[in-house]
Amino acid sequence: MRPNGEHSRRGHTRAVHDDEPTLVLLPGLACDAEAWDGIAAPLSARWRVHVSDAHFRAATMTAMAERLLADVRGPLVLVGHSMGGMLALGAQRIAPERVAALALLASSARADTPELLRLRGEAVAMFEAGRVDEVLRANLPFALHAARAGDADLAERYLALVRRAGAVQLAAQNRALMARIDSRPLLAAIGCPVLVVCGDGDLLTPPEQAREIAAAVPGAQLEVLAGCGHMLTLEAPERVAALLLAWLAHAAPARRPRVT
């Protein structure tokens, strides 16, 4: 079954208006609905699924969160990968009463360090100079698990996914990340069920950052996926889908969605 509602490659769907929870999948930096291939379909057997493209339609993390909340009415279960996890935390901060559960995959609650700000600034300058592929290929070893270094098909799929966003979006979304707040002081106040997932070989948001979130959020569940790097939704979609389904069965049980 396809996610409920018509959506574009980037995932924008019509708003929904009833009181059934909507499971919102939030892609990472410059990623679109393809990042959730192999995950959205199993989830949509039990949930109404919306793949957000709010990060393509606003200039700041707060504005993106406000777009997300306006796009999908009613209670939400937010599942965010990387930048999408940061966006999920932003939406929960703005409207905690609407967020029934949170799953944060390969994400972080930290703001950028001075070193990361410098590196992102250099990347933005290169994007704006038309050197997109140069940046993306240099980043490839950090995106995928070291054991997958020889997987040319996976590497090309990742590159095509991010390349499709284009230089303007790559620069804009990096700028939004550079300006984000440190969410760590807010974690203890989260009252909904939270799942934190990371790959054991993630070099961009290392396991220590996942453990930091799980330790700060009351009752949070932490899962570390062996053999996965930062792009775990591409590297192990079946394992991610199974993990989410098992967690959701207890965290936010849902009826099979109606077809509308």
Protein backbone atom coordinates (compact mmCIF):
# COMPACT_ATOMS: atom_id res chain seq x y z
CA MET A 1 0.00 0.00 0.00
CA ARG A 2 1.29 3.46 -0.84
CA PRO A 3 1.45 6.12 1.86
CA ASN A 4 -1.99 7.72 2.17
CA GLY A 5 -2.51 10.71 -0.13
CA GLU A 6 -0.88 11.83 -3.33
CA HIS A 7 2.67 13.03 -3.01
CA SER A 8 5.52 14.25 -5.19
CA ARG A 9 9.06 12.86 -5.30
CA ARG A 10 9.87 15.14 -2.38
CA GLY A 11 6.91 13.79 -0.47
CA HIS A 12 4.45 16.66 -0.04
CA THR A 13 0.95 15.31 0.58
CA ARG A 14 -2.42 16.85 1.26
CA ALA A 15 -3.26 17.80 4.83
CA VAL A 16 -5.33 15.42 6.90
CA HIS A 17 -7.97 16.53 9.34
CA ASP A 18 -9.30 13.73 11.54
CA ASP A 19 -8.19 12.60 15.00
CA GLU A 20 -6.30 9.47 13.90
CA PRO A 21 -2.53 9.85 14.40
CA THR A 22 -0.50 10.43 11.27
CA LEU A 23 2.94 8.88 11.02
CA VAL A 24 5.22 11.55 9.54
CA LEU A 25 8.54 10.51 8.03
CA LEU A 26 11.08 13.34 8.01
CA PRO A 27 14.01 12.86 5.59
CA GLY A 28 17.52 14.03 6.28
CA LEU A 29 19.48 16.87 4.70
CA ALA A 30 18.62 17.29 1.01
CA CYS A 31 16.81 13.94 0.97
CA ASP A 32 13.29 13.29 -0.31
CA ALA A 33 10.74 10.47 -0.12
CA GLU A 34 13.12 8.00 -1.79
CA ALA A 35 15.14 7.91 1.43
CA TRP A 36 12.20 6.03 2.99
CA ASP A 37 11.78 3.45 0.19
CA GLY A 38 11.39 0.05 1.79
CA ILE A 39 10.21 1.62 5.06
CA ALA A 40 7.11 3.65 4.17
CA ALA A 41 5.23 0.72 2.61
CA PRO A 42 5.38 -1.65 5.61
CA LEU A 43 4.45 1.20 7.94
CA SER A 44 1.49 2.23 5.80
CA ALA A 45 -0.09 -1.21 6.29
CA ARG A 46 -1.03 0.01 9.78
CA TRP A 47 -0.60 3.76 9.62
CA ARG A 48 -1.55 6.72 7.49
CA VAL A 49 1.93 7.80 6.37
CA HIS A 50 3.03 11.26 5.24
CA VAL A 51 6.58 11.89 3.98
CA SER A 52 7.38 15.51 4.72
CA ASP A 53 9.15 17.95 2.44
CA ALA A 54 8.98 20.86 4.89
CA HIS A 55 12.79 21.18 4.85
CA PHE A 56 12.56 22.19 1.17
CA ARG A 57 10.04 24.95 1.84
CA ALA A 58 11.45 27.14 4.61
CA ALA A 59 14.71 28.84 5.50
CA THR A 60 15.07 28.04 9.22
CA MET A 61 14.54 24.97 11.37
CA THR A 62 11.75 26.73 13.28
CA ALA A 63 9.97 27.74 10.06
CA MET A 64 10.33 24.17 8.75
CA ALA A 65 8.74 22.83 11.94
CA GLU A 66 5.88 25.29 11.59
CA ARG A 67 5.35 24.17 7.98
CA LEU A 68 5.27 20.55 9.09
CA LEU A 69 2.69 21.28 11.76
CA ALA A 70 0.55 23.17 9.26
CA ASP A 71 0.81 20.46 6.59
CA VAL A 72 -0.53 17.64 8.74
CA ARG A 73 -3.37 18.25 11.16
CA GLY A 74 -4.13 16.38 14.35
CA PRO A 75 -1.92 14.10 16.46
CA LEU A 76 1.45 13.12 15.01
CA VAL A 77 4.02 10.39 15.37
CA LEU A 78 7.25 11.91 14.08
CA VAL A 79 10.02 9.70 12.69
CA GLY A 80 13.02 11.78 11.66
CA HIS A 81 16.34 10.80 10.13
CA SER A 82 19.37 13.04 10.73
CA MET A 83 18.20 16.63 10.00
CA GLY A 84 14.67 15.21 10.09
CA GLY A 85 15.21 14.17 13.70
CA MET A 86 16.30 17.70 14.55
CA LEU A 87 13.19 18.98 12.81
CA ALA A 88 11.05 16.51 14.79
CA LEU A 89 12.51 17.88 18.03
CA GLY A 90 11.67 21.39 16.83
CA ALA A 91 8.06 20.47 16.12
CA GLN A 92 7.75 18.77 19.51
CA ARG A 93 9.10 21.92 21.18
CA ILE A 94 6.54 24.12 19.39
CA ALA A 95 3.50 21.84 19.81
CA PRO A 96 4.19 19.09 22.38
CA GLU A 97 0.47 18.44 22.77
CA ARG A 98 0.28 17.23 19.16
CA VAL A 99 3.24 14.82 19.22
CA ALA A 100 2.20 11.35 20.39
CA ALA A 101 5.63 9.75 19.90
CA LEU A 102 9.08 10.52 18.48
CA ALA A 103 11.63 8.33 16.73
CA LEU A 104 15.02 9.92 16.14
CA LEU A 105 17.25 8.06 13.67
CA ALA A 106 20.94 8.92 13.24
CA SER A 107 20.29 12.34 14.68
CA SER A 108 21.62 14.74 17.31
CA ALA A 109 20.28 17.23 19.83
CA ARG A 110 23.47 19.30 19.72
CA ALA A 111 24.10 22.56 17.90
CA ASP A 112 27.04 22.66 15.50
CA THR A 113 30.48 23.03 17.03
CA PRO A 114 32.77 25.79 15.76
CA GLU A 115 34.57 23.17 13.65
CA LEU A 116 31.32 21.95 12.09
CA LEU A 117 30.26 25.53 11.42
CA ARG A 118 33.53 26.08 9.56
CA LEU A 119 33.13 22.88 7.53
CA ARG A 120 29.52 23.62 6.65
CA GLY A 121 30.46 27.17 5.66
CA GLU A 122 33.11 25.83 3.31
CA ALA A 123 30.63 23.32 1.85
CA VAL A 124 28.03 26.06 1.29
CA ALA A 125 30.62 28.14 -0.58
CA MET A 126 31.45 25.15 -2.77
CA PHE A 127 27.78 24.43 -3.48
CA GLU A 128 27.29 28.01 -4.54
CA ALA A 129 30.35 27.75 -6.79
CA GLY A 130 28.81 24.76 -8.58
CA ARG A 131 31.09 22.17 -6.98
CA VAL A 132 28.25 19.93 -5.74
CA ASP A 133 29.64 16.55 -6.77
CA GLU A 134 33.03 17.37 -5.29
CA VAL A 135 31.46 17.95 -1.87
CA LEU A 136 29.11 14.97 -2.05
CA ARG A 137 31.80 12.50 -3.06
CA ALA A 138 34.13 13.76 -0.34
CA ASN A 139 31.31 13.22 2.16
CA LEU A 140 30.51 9.69 0.97
CA PRO A 141 32.83 7.85 3.41
CA PHE A 142 31.10 9.63 6.28
CA ALA A 143 27.58 8.82 5.07
CA LEU A 144 27.88 5.03 4.70
CA HIS A 145 29.31 2.32 6.93
CA ALA A 146 32.96 1.50 6.24
CA ALA A 147 32.01 -2.09 5.38
CA ARG A 148 29.96 -0.75 2.45
CA ALA A 149 32.86 1.14 0.87
CA GLY A 150 32.78 -1.23 -2.11
CA ASP A 151 29.01 -1.09 -2.64
CA ALA A 152 28.95 1.05 -5.79
CA ASP A 153 25.19 0.71 -6.28
CA LEU A 154 24.42 2.00 -2.77
CA ALA A 155 26.92 4.84 -3.17
CA GLU A 156 25.42 5.95 -6.47
CA ARG A 157 21.91 5.74 -5.07
CA TYR A 158 22.90 7.98 -2.16
CA LEU A 159 24.67 10.45 -4.44
CA ALA A 160 21.70 10.62 -6.84
CA LEU A 161 19.31 11.17 -3.94
CA VAL A 162 21.20 14.12 -2.51
CA ARG A 163 22.29 15.51 -5.88
CA ARG A 164 18.62 15.78 -6.90
CA ALA A 165 18.07 18.49 -4.28
CA GLY A 166 20.37 20.84 -6.17
CA ALA A 167 22.95 23.38 -5.07
CA VAL A 168 20.47 26.00 -3.87
CA GLN A 169 18.74 23.60 -1.49
CA LEU A 170 21.99 22.05 -0.31
CA ALA A 171 23.27 25.49 0.63
CA ALA A 172 19.98 26.63 2.20
CA GLN A 173 19.47 23.51 4.32
CA ASN A 174 23.05 23.61 5.58
CA ARG A 175 22.55 27.24 6.58
CA ALA A 176 19.42 26.25 8.50
CA LEU A 177 21.40 23.58 10.36
CA MET A 178 24.17 26.04 11.15
CA ALA A 179 21.66 28.34 12.88
CA ARG A 180 19.83 25.67 14.90
CA ILE A 181 19.64 25.74 18.68
CA ASP A 182 21.11 23.26 21.13
CA SER A 183 18.12 21.07 22.03
CA ARG A 184 19.79 19.18 24.86
CA PRO A 185 18.41 21.42 27.66
CA LEU A 186 14.87 20.63 26.40
CA LEU A 187 15.13 16.83 26.29
CA ALA A 188 14.19 16.16 29.90
CA ALA A 189 10.81 17.84 29.37
CA ILE A 190 9.73 15.47 26.56
CA GLY A 191 6.81 13.45 27.85
CA CYS A 192 5.95 11.22 24.89
CA PRO A 193 7.52 7.84 24.02
CA VAL A 194 10.87 8.27 22.28
CA LEU A 195 12.92 5.80 20.24
CA VAL A 196 16.55 6.67 19.48
CA VAL A 197 18.31 4.67 16.74
CA CYS A 198 21.86 4.92 15.44
CA GLY A 199 24.29 2.91 13.37
CA ASP A 200 27.33 1.57 15.15
CA GLY A 201 29.53 2.99 12.38
CA ASP A 202 27.91 6.42 12.07
CA LEU A 203 30.66 9.02 11.69
CA LEU A 204 28.38 12.05 11.27
CA THR A 205 26.16 11.58 14.34
CA PRO A 206 28.14 9.02 16.35
CA PRO A 207 26.49 6.61 18.82
CA GLU A 208 27.58 8.81 21.74
CA GLN A 209 25.13 11.47 20.52
CA ALA A 210 22.30 8.94 20.39
CA ARG A 211 23.16 7.73 23.88
CA GLU A 212 23.16 11.34 25.06
CA ILE A 213 19.58 11.83 23.83
CA ALA A 214 18.37 8.51 25.23
CA ALA A 215 19.90 9.26 28.64
CA ALA A 216 18.26 12.68 28.82
CA VAL A 217 14.72 11.78 27.69
CA PRO A 218 12.72 9.98 30.41
CA GLY A 219 11.97 6.41 29.38
CA ALA A 220 13.61 6.65 25.95
CA GLN A 221 14.51 3.42 24.12
CA LEU A 222 17.94 3.20 22.47
CA GLU A 223 18.79 0.84 19.60
CA VAL A 224 22.21 0.57 17.94
CA LEU A 225 22.19 -1.14 14.53
CA ALA A 226 25.30 -3.17 13.79
CA GLY A 227 26.85 -2.69 10.36
CA CYS A 228 25.11 0.62 9.68
CA GLY A 229 26.46 4.08 9.14
CA HIS A 230 24.66 7.42 8.99
CA MET A 231 22.35 6.55 6.07
CA LEU A 232 20.75 3.63 7.85
CA THR A 233 17.41 4.13 6.07
CA LEU A 234 19.21 3.23 2.81
CA GLU A 235 21.63 0.71 4.29
CA ALA A 236 19.13 -1.39 6.25
CA PRO A 237 15.54 -0.38 5.41
CA GLU A 238 14.03 -3.76 6.38
CA ARG A 239 15.68 -3.68 9.81
CA VAL A 240 14.62 -0.07 10.37
CA ALA A 241 11.03 -0.81 9.34
CA ALA A 242 10.84 -3.87 11.62
CA LEU A 243 12.27 -1.90 14.53
CA LEU A 244 9.80 0.95 14.03
CA LEU A 245 6.83 -1.39 13.76
CA ALA A 246 7.79 -3.22 16.95
CA TRP A 247 8.28 0.04 18.84
CA LEU A 248 5.10 1.62 17.52
CA ALA A 249 3.03 -1.39 18.58
CA HIS A 250 3.73 -0.39 22.19
CA ALA A 251 4.44 3.35 21.95
CA ALA A 252 1.48 4.46 19.83
CA PRO A 253 -0.84 1.63 18.74
CA ALA A 254 -2.77 2.47 15.59
CA ARG A 255 -5.67 0.99 13.70
CA ARG A 256 -5.25 0.11 10.05
CA PRO A 257 -5.79 3.46 8.27
CA ARG A 258 -8.88 4.12 6.22
CA VAL A 259 -8.36 4.66 2.51
CA THR A 260 -9.59 8.13 1.54
